[in-house]
Amino acid sequence: MSTSTQLTHAINEGDSFERFFECWLVEQNQHLDELVSASKEVDAADQEALRPLVKRVVQHYEHYYVAKARWGETDILAMLSPSWRSSLEDAFLWIGGWRPSMAFHLLYSKSGLQLEARLHELMQGLRSDDLSDLSAAQLQQVDALQKETIRKEQEITEKLAEQQETVADASMVELAHAMTEGMGGDEGQSRVDAALAPKQDGLAEILHMADELRLDTLKKVIDILTPMQAVHYLIAAAALHLRIHEWGKKRDARLAQNVSTTHKSDEDSA
């Protein structure tokens, strides 16, 4: 079964997004192995052979955002504060995901590391065909895309700020007062739902814009790169994502264990 079929099957079965995300991570790890193997086995002269793999990996990201949008229709707040991510990942989230401009920091970081590792070869005039070998034209394209992405990112951030401020608008303050004064029951809940609905709709629209920019930025960066460079870039992206998720989950587990141990010790001492 292809990745696309697997993910579509998961959506149709009505699994939780957390379960979907776990399966998606497993598939991302499989893609990482394929990308690493391809970077070592495919000859630079035969880069066109890498295009199907690059396309499949990008489609994997597309399926993630399709699924996220579907589940977001049911619970937008869960998509913005995902319980399936670690506290480490939460600290670096921007509107429920990675900040689009981070794609350029990743590119420059990986390019710099590969440049440092192959500096001697490059000084001898040898080509590396990885991210250390970005041309002047490519760098100009990346710079222009980065500026455009940052501008759009700032616009979305401003929209989010405006939306967040609506939580203290007159209707919310009046409703909070009414509920504090004793209004409750079905009438109270109905008014709360009616007041929150447009705010959640606004958040859903902003999340859609953010996810659209994330995916669009990834695709445009890939389009600038050669197939071999795209493979190296996707390796860096997947490795960073998977390792941060792994480190964060382990950290949360250690903290939970420490809390549990401390609590037990306090009970034994009582």
C-alpha atoms as a PDB file:
ATOM      1  CA  MET A   1       0.000   0.000   0.000  1.00  0.00           C
ATOM      2  CA  SER A   2       1.429   3.423  -0.920  1.00  0.00           C
ATOM      3  CA  THR A   3       1.934   6.213   1.603  1.00  0.00           C
ATOM      4  CA  SER A   4      -0.977   8.120   0.097  1.00  0.00           C
ATOM      5  CA  THR A   5      -3.288   5.112   0.401  1.00  0.00           C
ATOM      6  CA  GLN A   6      -2.202   4.419   3.986  1.00  0.00           C
ATOM      7  CA  LEU A   7      -2.880   7.964   5.115  1.00  0.00           C
ATOM      8  CA  THR A   8      -6.189   8.222   3.265  1.00  0.00           C
ATOM      9  CA  HIS A   9      -7.221   4.911   4.844  1.00  0.00           C
ATOM     10  CA  ALA A  10      -6.371   6.259   8.294  1.00  0.00           C
ATOM     11  CA  ILE A  11      -8.474   9.382   7.719  1.00  0.00           C
ATOM     12  CA  ASN A  12     -11.478   7.409   6.476  1.00  0.00           C
ATOM     13  CA  GLU A  13     -11.373   5.074   9.462  1.00  0.00           C
ATOM     14  CA  GLY A  14     -11.802   8.063  11.727  1.00  0.00           C
ATOM     15  CA  ASP A  15      -8.686   7.462  13.808  1.00  0.00           C
ATOM     16  CA  SER A  16      -7.508  10.229  16.096  1.00  0.00           C
ATOM     17  CA  PHE A  17      -5.054  12.711  14.654  1.00  0.00           C
ATOM     18  CA  GLU A  18      -2.545  11.602  17.277  1.00  0.00           C
ATOM     19  CA  ARG A  19      -2.675   8.067  15.867  1.00  0.00           C
ATOM     20  CA  PHE A  20      -2.373   9.438  12.348  1.00  0.00           C
ATOM     21  CA  PHE A  21       0.621  11.535  13.393  1.00  0.00           C
ATOM     22  CA  GLU A  22       2.357   8.513  14.924  1.00  0.00           C
ATOM     23  CA  CYS A  23       1.933   6.583  11.654  1.00  0.00           C
ATOM     24  CA  TRP A  24       3.099   9.623   9.694  1.00  0.00           C
ATOM     25  CA  LEU A  25       6.292   9.786  11.773  1.00  0.00           C
ATOM     26  CA  VAL A  26       7.012   6.123  11.114  1.00  0.00           C
ATOM     27  CA  GLU A  27       6.681   6.773   7.392  1.00  0.00           C
ATOM     28  CA  GLN A  28       8.859   9.879   7.654  1.00  0.00           C
ATOM     29  CA  ASN A  29      11.554   7.774   9.299  1.00  0.00           C
ATOM     30  CA  GLN A  30      11.290   5.274   6.446  1.00  0.00           C
ATOM     31  CA  HIS A  31      11.673   8.103   3.946  1.00  0.00           C
ATOM     32  CA  LEU A  32      14.717   9.344   5.850  1.00  0.00           C
ATOM     33  CA  ASP A  33      16.381   5.951   5.431  1.00  0.00           C
ATOM     34  CA  GLU A  34      15.590   5.998   1.714  1.00  0.00           C
ATOM     35  CA  LEU A  35      16.946   9.511   1.313  1.00  0.00           C
ATOM     36  CA  VAL A  36      20.179   8.698   3.123  1.00  0.00           C
ATOM     37  CA  SER A  37      20.682   5.592   0.984  1.00  0.00           C
ATOM     38  CA  ALA A  38      19.967   7.546  -2.199  1.00  0.00           C
ATOM     39  CA  SER A  39      22.446  10.281  -1.258  1.00  0.00           C
ATOM     40  CA  LYS A  40      25.170   7.656  -0.999  1.00  0.00           C
ATOM     41  CA  GLU A  41      24.231   5.300  -3.820  1.00  0.00           C
ATOM     42  CA  VAL A  42      22.996   7.479  -6.688  1.00  0.00           C
ATOM     43  CA  ASP A  43      25.730   8.950  -8.855  1.00  0.00           C
ATOM     44  CA  ALA A  44      25.679  12.725  -9.243  1.00  0.00           C
ATOM     45  CA  ALA A  45      25.537  12.283 -13.007  1.00  0.00           C
ATOM     46  CA  ASP A  46      22.252  10.395 -12.631  1.00  0.00           C
ATOM     47  CA  GLN A  47      20.395  12.925 -10.478  1.00  0.00           C
ATOM     48  CA  GLU A  48      17.187  12.651 -12.489  1.00  0.00           C
ATOM     49  CA  ALA A  49      16.706   9.227 -10.919  1.00  0.00           C
ATOM     50  CA  LEU A  50      16.171  11.005  -7.599  1.00  0.00           C
ATOM     51  CA  ARG A  51      13.147  13.038  -8.699  1.00  0.00           C
ATOM     52  CA  PRO A  52      10.534  10.324  -7.968  1.00  0.00           C
ATOM     53  CA  LEU A  53      11.863   9.942  -4.415  1.00  0.00           C
ATOM     54  CA  VAL A  54      11.902  13.699  -3.826  1.00  0.00           C
ATOM     55  CA  LYS A  55       8.358  13.961  -5.189  1.00  0.00           C
ATOM     56  CA  ARG A  56       7.155  11.134  -2.938  1.00  0.00           C
ATOM     57  CA  VAL A  57       8.653  12.749   0.172  1.00  0.00           C
ATOM     58  CA  VAL A  58       7.096  16.121  -0.650  1.00  0.00           C
ATOM     59  CA  GLN A  59       3.742  14.397  -1.203  1.00  0.00           C
ATOM     60  CA  HIS A  60       4.103  12.919   2.269  1.00  0.00           C
ATOM     61  CA  TYR A  61       4.175  16.449   3.672  1.00  0.00           C
ATOM     62  CA  GLU A  62       1.159  17.332   1.520  1.00  0.00           C
ATOM     63  CA  HIS A  63      -0.820  14.417   2.960  1.00  0.00           C
ATOM     64  CA  TYR A  64       0.020  15.601   6.466  1.00  0.00           C
ATOM     65  CA  TYR A  65      -1.489  19.023   5.836  1.00  0.00           C
ATOM     66  CA  VAL A  66      -4.544  17.551   4.122  1.00  0.00           C
ATOM     67  CA  ALA A  67      -5.192  15.364   7.161  1.00  0.00           C
ATOM     68  CA  LYS A  68      -4.493  18.226   9.547  1.00  0.00           C
ATOM     69  CA  ALA A  69      -7.042  20.388   7.754  1.00  0.00           C
ATOM     70  CA  ARG A  70      -9.640  17.616   7.954  1.00  0.00           C
ATOM     71  CA  TRP A  71      -9.214  17.115  11.682  1.00  0.00           C
ATOM     72  CA  GLY A  72      -9.003  20.867  12.200  1.00  0.00           C
ATOM     73  CA  GLU A  73     -12.617  21.141  11.052  1.00  0.00           C
ATOM     74  CA  THR A  74     -13.562  19.066  14.090  1.00  0.00           C
ATOM     75  CA  ASP A  75     -11.266  20.579  16.724  1.00  0.00           C
ATOM     76  CA  ILE A  76      -9.238  23.610  15.686  1.00  0.00           C
ATOM     77  CA  LEU A  77      -7.945  24.204  19.219  1.00  0.00           C
ATOM     78  CA  ALA A  78      -6.331  20.769  19.322  1.00  0.00           C
ATOM     79  CA  MET A  79      -4.472  21.561  16.107  1.00  0.00           C
ATOM     80  CA  LEU A  80      -3.115  24.768  17.646  1.00  0.00           C
ATOM     81  CA  SER A  81      -2.114  23.139  20.948  1.00  0.00           C
ATOM     82  CA  PRO A  82      -1.277  19.566  19.903  1.00  0.00           C
ATOM     83  CA  SER A  83      -1.114  17.146  22.836  1.00  0.00           C
ATOM     84  CA  TRP A  84       0.812  14.643  20.705  1.00  0.00           C
ATOM     85  CA  ARG A  85       3.870  16.877  20.628  1.00  0.00           C
ATOM     86  CA  SER A  86       6.390  17.265  23.435  1.00  0.00           C
ATOM     87  CA  SER A  87       6.809  20.350  25.604  1.00  0.00           C
ATOM     88  CA  LEU A  88      10.125  20.964  23.827  1.00  0.00           C
ATOM     89  CA  GLU A  89       8.353  21.086  20.456  1.00  0.00           C
ATOM     90  CA  ASP A  90       5.568  23.250  21.912  1.00  0.00           C
ATOM     91  CA  ALA A  91       8.133  25.868  22.918  1.00  0.00           C
ATOM     92  CA  PHE A  92       9.148  26.355  19.279  1.00  0.00           C
ATOM     93  CA  LEU A  93       5.735  26.157  17.604  1.00  0.00           C
ATOM     94  CA  TRP A  94       4.375  28.988  15.480  1.00  0.00           C
ATOM     95  CA  ILE A  95       0.609  28.732  14.910  1.00  0.00           C
ATOM     96  CA  GLY A  96       0.505  24.959  15.350  1.00  0.00           C
ATOM     97  CA  GLY A  97       3.660  24.086  13.404  1.00  0.00           C
ATOM     98  CA  TRP A  98       7.141  25.107  12.322  1.00  0.00           C
ATOM     99  CA  ARG A  99       7.863  28.709  11.410  1.00  0.00           C
ATOM    100  CA  PRO A 100       8.156  28.928   7.576  1.00  0.00           C
ATOM    101  CA  SER A 101      11.278  31.108   7.711  1.00  0.00           C
ATOM    102  CA  MET A 102      12.999  28.279   9.584  1.00  0.00           C
ATOM    103  CA  ALA A 103      13.260  26.499   6.225  1.00  0.00           C
ATOM    104  CA  PHE A 104      15.980  28.969   5.225  1.00  0.00           C
ATOM    105  CA  HIS A 105      17.901  28.677   8.480  1.00  0.00           C
ATOM    106  CA  LEU A 106      17.903  24.923   7.943  1.00  0.00           C
ATOM    107  CA  LEU A 107      19.181  25.339   4.397  1.00  0.00           C
ATOM    108  CA  TYR A 108      21.979  27.717   5.371  1.00  0.00           C
ATOM    109  CA  SER A 109      22.989  25.604   8.381  1.00  0.00           C
ATOM    110  CA  LYS A 110      23.227  22.390   6.362  1.00  0.00           C
ATOM    111  CA  SER A 111      24.969  24.191   3.502  1.00  0.00           C
ATOM    112  CA  GLY A 112      27.537  25.645   5.908  1.00  0.00           C
ATOM    113  CA  LEU A 113      28.240  22.295   7.530  1.00  0.00           C
ATOM    114  CA  GLN A 114      28.703  20.576   4.173  1.00  0.00           C
ATOM    115  CA  LEU A 115      30.844  23.453   2.910  1.00  0.00           C
ATOM    116  CA  GLU A 116      33.116  23.142   5.932  1.00  0.00           C
ATOM    117  CA  ALA A 117      33.406  19.369   5.463  1.00  0.00           C
ATOM    118  CA  ARG A 118      34.270  19.656   1.748  1.00  0.00           C
ATOM    119  CA  LEU A 119      36.207  22.909   1.706  1.00  0.00           C
ATOM    120  CA  HIS A 120      39.446  21.237   0.594  1.00  0.00           C
ATOM    121  CA  GLU A 121      37.723  19.526  -2.356  1.00  0.00           C
ATOM    122  CA  LEU A 122      35.973  22.717  -3.414  1.00  0.00           C
ATOM    123  CA  MET A 123      39.227  24.679  -3.286  1.00  0.00           C
ATOM    124  CA  GLN A 124      40.633  22.152  -5.758  1.00  0.00           C
ATOM    125  CA  GLY A 125      37.774  22.864  -8.134  1.00  0.00           C
ATOM    126  CA  LEU A 126      35.914  19.619  -7.431  1.00  0.00           C
ATOM    127  CA  ARG A 127      32.102  19.690  -7.340  1.00  0.00           C
ATOM    128  CA  SER A 128      30.213  18.179  -4.451  1.00  0.00           C
ATOM    129  CA  ASP A 129      26.642  18.376  -5.833  1.00  0.00           C
ATOM    130  CA  ASP A 130      25.289  18.792  -2.315  1.00  0.00           C
ATOM    131  CA  LEU A 131      24.205  21.930  -0.453  1.00  0.00           C
ATOM    132  CA  SER A 132      27.788  23.174  -0.184  1.00  0.00           C
ATOM    133  CA  ASP A 133      27.674  23.712  -3.955  1.00  0.00           C
ATOM    134  CA  LEU A 134      24.823  26.226  -4.207  1.00  0.00           C
ATOM    135  CA  SER A 135      25.296  28.511  -7.191  1.00  0.00           C
ATOM    136  CA  ALA A 136      25.077  32.312  -7.131  1.00  0.00           C
ATOM    137  CA  ALA A 137      21.798  32.115  -9.038  1.00  0.00           C
ATOM    138  CA  GLN A 138      20.367  29.673  -6.505  1.00  0.00           C
ATOM    139  CA  LEU A 139      21.408  31.875  -3.584  1.00  0.00           C
ATOM    140  CA  GLN A 140      19.684  34.852  -5.212  1.00  0.00           C
ATOM    141  CA  GLN A 141      16.492  32.828  -5.607  1.00  0.00           C
ATOM    142  CA  VAL A 142      16.674  31.652  -2.006  1.00  0.00           C
ATOM    143  CA  ASP A 143      17.211  35.218  -0.772  1.00  0.00           C
ATOM    144  CA  ALA A 144      14.204  36.515  -2.716  1.00  0.00           C
ATOM    145  CA  LEU A 145      12.028  33.645  -1.470  1.00  0.00           C
ATOM    146  CA  GLN A 146      13.167  34.219   2.102  1.00  0.00           C
ATOM    147  CA  LYS A 147      12.180  37.892   1.967  1.00  0.00           C
ATOM    148  CA  GLU A 148       8.771  37.014   0.501  1.00  0.00           C
ATOM    149  CA  THR A 149       8.208  34.296   3.109  1.00  0.00           C
ATOM    150  CA  ILE A 150       9.145  36.555   6.020  1.00  0.00           C
ATOM    151  CA  ARG A 151       6.730  39.210   4.747  1.00  0.00           C
ATOM    152  CA  LYS A 152       3.868  36.712   4.541  1.00  0.00           C
ATOM    153  CA  GLU A 153       4.813  35.234   7.899  1.00  0.00           C
ATOM    154  CA  GLN A 154       4.615  38.662   9.521  1.00  0.00           C
ATOM    155  CA  GLU A 155       1.209  39.315   7.938  1.00  0.00           C
ATOM    156  CA  ILE A 156      -0.154  36.065   9.363  1.00  0.00           C
ATOM    157  CA  THR A 157       1.377  36.814  12.772  1.00  0.00           C
ATOM    158  CA  GLU A 158      -0.391  40.173  12.787  1.00  0.00           C
ATOM    159  CA  LYS A 159      -3.684  38.516  11.861  1.00  0.00           C
ATOM    160  CA  LEU A 160      -3.227  36.094  14.751  1.00  0.00           C
ATOM    161  CA  ALA A 161      -2.566  38.971  17.152  1.00  0.00           C
ATOM    162  CA  GLU A 162      -5.769  40.697  16.018  1.00  0.00           C
ATOM    163  CA  GLN A 163      -7.720  37.467  16.429  1.00  0.00           C
ATOM    164  CA  GLN A 164      -6.307  36.830  19.904  1.00  0.00           C
ATOM    165  CA  GLU A 165      -7.315  40.317  21.014  1.00  0.00           C
ATOM    166  CA  THR A 166     -10.973  39.509  20.290  1.00  0.00           C
ATOM    167  CA  VAL A 167     -11.036  37.315  23.400  1.00  0.00           C
ATOM    168  CA  ALA A 168     -11.313  40.550  25.389  1.00  0.00           C
ATOM    169  CA  ASP A 169     -13.856  42.323  23.169  1.00  0.00           C
ATOM    170  CA  ALA A 170     -17.051  43.799  24.595  1.00  0.00           C
ATOM    171  CA  SER A 171     -19.184  40.723  23.880  1.00  0.00           C
ATOM    172  CA  MET A 172     -16.789  38.418  25.748  1.00  0.00           C
ATOM    173  CA  VAL A 173     -16.456  40.773  28.722  1.00  0.00           C
ATOM    174  CA  GLU A 174     -20.243  41.155  28.930  1.00  0.00           C
ATOM    175  CA  LEU A 175     -20.752  37.395  28.698  1.00  0.00           C
ATOM    176  CA  ALA A 176     -18.124  36.685  31.370  1.00  0.00           C
ATOM    177  CA  HIS A 177     -19.904  39.145  33.666  1.00  0.00           C
ATOM    178  CA  ALA A 178     -23.290  37.554  33.001  1.00  0.00           C
ATOM    179  CA  MET A 179     -21.957  34.078  33.742  1.00  0.00           C
ATOM    180  CA  THR A 180     -20.302  35.330  36.934  1.00  0.00           C
ATOM    181  CA  GLU A 181     -23.601  36.876  38.029  1.00  0.00           C
ATOM    182  CA  GLY A 182     -25.257  33.494  37.807  1.00  0.00           C
ATOM    183  CA  MET A 183     -26.458  32.912  34.255  1.00  0.00           C
ATOM    184  CA  GLY A 184     -25.983  29.255  33.461  1.00  0.00           C
ATOM    185  CA  GLY A 185     -27.736  26.175  32.171  1.00  0.00           C
ATOM    186  CA  ASP A 186     -28.583  25.713  28.512  1.00  0.00           C
ATOM    187  CA  GLU A 187     -28.937  29.442  27.920  1.00  0.00           C
ATOM    188  CA  GLY A 188     -25.481  30.155  29.287  1.00  0.00           C
ATOM    189  CA  GLN A 189     -23.819  27.381  27.326  1.00  0.00           C
ATOM    190  CA  SER A 190     -25.633  28.423  24.165  1.00  0.00           C
ATOM    191  CA  ARG A 191     -24.342  31.975  24.520  1.00  0.00           C
ATOM    192  CA  VAL A 192     -20.796  30.747  25.204  1.00  0.00           C
ATOM    193  CA  ASP A 193     -20.853  28.522  22.117  1.00  0.00           C
ATOM    194  CA  ALA A 194     -22.220  31.353  19.976  1.00  0.00           C
ATOM    195  CA  ALA A 195     -19.546  33.752  21.236  1.00  0.00           C
ATOM    196  CA  LEU A 196     -16.651  31.336  20.699  1.00  0.00           C
ATOM    197  CA  ALA A 197     -17.723  30.000  17.292  1.00  0.00           C
ATOM    198  CA  PRO A 198     -16.586  32.986  15.171  1.00  0.00           C
ATOM    199  CA  LYS A 199     -13.331  33.204  17.130  1.00  0.00           C
ATOM    200  CA  GLN A 200     -12.577  29.551  16.438  1.00  0.00           C
ATOM    201  CA  ASP A 201     -13.477  30.079  12.791  1.00  0.00           C
ATOM    202  CA  GLY A 202     -11.001  32.929  12.671  1.00  0.00           C
ATOM    203  CA  LEU A 203      -8.295  30.749  14.209  1.00  0.00           C
ATOM    204  CA  ALA A 204      -9.045  28.003  11.686  1.00  0.00           C
ATOM    205  CA  GLU A 205      -8.574  30.450   8.821  1.00  0.00           C
ATOM    206  CA  ILE A 206      -5.255  31.629  10.254  1.00  0.00           C
ATOM    207  CA  LEU A 207      -4.024  28.070  10.768  1.00  0.00           C
ATOM    208  CA  HIS A 208      -4.910  27.277   7.168  1.00  0.00           C
ATOM    209  CA  MET A 209      -2.902  30.281   5.993  1.00  0.00           C
ATOM    210  CA  ALA A 210       0.064  29.251   8.154  1.00  0.00           C
ATOM    211  CA  ASP A 211       0.018  25.639   6.946  1.00  0.00           C
ATOM    212  CA  GLU A 212      -0.342  26.789   3.357  1.00  0.00           C
ATOM    213  CA  LEU A 213       2.727  29.001   3.742  1.00  0.00           C
ATOM    214  CA  ARG A 214       4.690  26.180   5.378  1.00  0.00           C
ATOM    215  CA  LEU A 215       4.008  23.781   2.529  1.00  0.00           C
ATOM    216  CA  ASP A 216       4.445  26.395  -0.182  1.00  0.00           C
ATOM    217  CA  THR A 217       7.814  27.435   1.260  1.00  0.00           C
ATOM    218  CA  LEU A 218       9.038  23.838   1.377  1.00  0.00           C
ATOM    219  CA  LYS A 219       8.019  23.223  -2.225  1.00  0.00           C
ATOM    220  CA  LYS A 220       9.615  26.416  -3.493  1.00  0.00           C
ATOM    221  CA  VAL A 221      12.901  25.688  -1.709  1.00  0.00           C
ATOM    222  CA  ILE A 222      12.923  22.208  -3.246  1.00  0.00           C
ATOM    223  CA  ASP A 223      12.237  23.683  -6.692  1.00  0.00           C
ATOM    224  CA  ILE A 224      15.340  25.883  -6.407  1.00  0.00           C
ATOM    225  CA  LEU A 225      17.591  22.933  -5.595  1.00  0.00           C
ATOM    226  CA  THR A 226      18.955  20.202  -7.840  1.00  0.00           C
ATOM    227  CA  PRO A 227      17.577  16.697  -7.156  1.00  0.00           C
ATOM    228  CA  MET A 228      20.696  15.715  -5.169  1.00  0.00           C
ATOM    229  CA  GLN A 229      20.602  18.956  -3.179  1.00  0.00           C
ATOM    230  CA  ALA A 230      16.903  18.401  -2.519  1.00  0.00           C
ATOM    231  CA  VAL A 231      17.702  14.951  -1.140  1.00  0.00           C
ATOM    232  CA  HIS A 232      20.261  16.423   1.261  1.00  0.00           C
ATOM    233  CA  TYR A 233      17.836  19.160   2.293  1.00  0.00           C
ATOM    234  CA  LEU A 234      15.019  16.691   2.956  1.00  0.00           C
ATOM    235  CA  ILE A 235      17.423  14.540   4.978  1.00  0.00           C
ATOM    236  CA  ALA A 236      18.253  17.528   7.183  1.00  0.00           C
ATOM    237  CA  ALA A 237      14.566  18.460   7.570  1.00  0.00           C
ATOM    238  CA  ALA A 238      13.425  14.948   8.489  1.00  0.00           C
ATOM    239  CA  ALA A 239      16.366  14.271  10.822  1.00  0.00           C
ATOM    240  CA  LEU A 240      15.829  17.533  12.712  1.00  0.00           C
ATOM    241  CA  HIS A 241      12.084  16.972  13.038  1.00  0.00           C
ATOM    242  CA  LEU A 242      12.374  13.360  14.173  1.00  0.00           C
ATOM    243  CA  ARG A 243      15.216  13.963  16.617  1.00  0.00           C
ATOM    244  CA  ILE A 244      13.588  16.995  18.271  1.00  0.00           C
ATOM    245  CA  HIS A 245      10.380  14.984  18.677  1.00  0.00           C
ATOM    246  CA  GLU A 246      12.364  12.090  20.137  1.00  0.00           C
ATOM    247  CA  TRP A 247      14.403  14.294  22.500  1.00  0.00           C
ATOM    248  CA  GLY A 248      11.289  16.114  23.653  1.00  0.00           C
ATOM    249  CA  LYS A 249       9.331  12.935  24.364  1.00  0.00           C
ATOM    250  CA  LYS A 250      12.252  11.472  26.340  1.00  0.00           C
ATOM    251  CA  ARG A 251      12.576  14.708  28.305  1.00  0.00           C
ATOM    252  CA  ASP A 252       8.865  14.712  29.170  1.00  0.00           C
ATOM    253  CA  ALA A 253       9.063  11.061  30.231  1.00  0.00           C
ATOM    254  CA  ARG A 254      12.031  11.791  32.514  1.00  0.00           C
ATOM    255  CA  LEU A 255      10.244  14.750  34.098  1.00  0.00           C
ATOM    256  CA  ALA A 256       7.101  12.693  34.637  1.00  0.00           C
ATOM    257  CA  GLN A 257       9.172   9.925  36.225  1.00  0.00           C
ATOM    258  CA  ASN A 258      10.926  12.418  38.510  1.00  0.00           C
ATOM    259  CA  VAL A 259       7.586  13.869  39.613  1.00  0.00           C
ATOM    260  CA  SER A 260       6.236  10.390  40.263  1.00  0.00           C
ATOM    261  CA  THR A 261       9.335   9.403  42.259  1.00  0.00           C
ATOM    262  CA  THR A 262       9.223  12.613  44.307  1.00  0.00           C
ATOM    263  CA  HIS A 263       5.514  12.148  45.014  1.00  0.00           C
ATOM    264  CA  LYS A 264       6.090   8.571  46.157  1.00  0.00           C
ATOM    265  CA  SER A 265       8.959   9.640  48.406  1.00  0.00           C
ATOM    266  CA  ASP A 266       6.780  12.295  50.008  1.00  0.00           C
ATOM    267  CA  GLU A 267       4.065   9.717  50.675  1.00  0.00           C
ATOM    268  CA  ASP A 268       6.570   7.281  52.219  1.00  0.00           C
ATOM    269  CA  SER A 269       7.897  10.053  54.475  1.00  0.00           C
ATOM    270  CA  ALA A 270       4.456  11.093  55.638  1.00  0.00           C
END
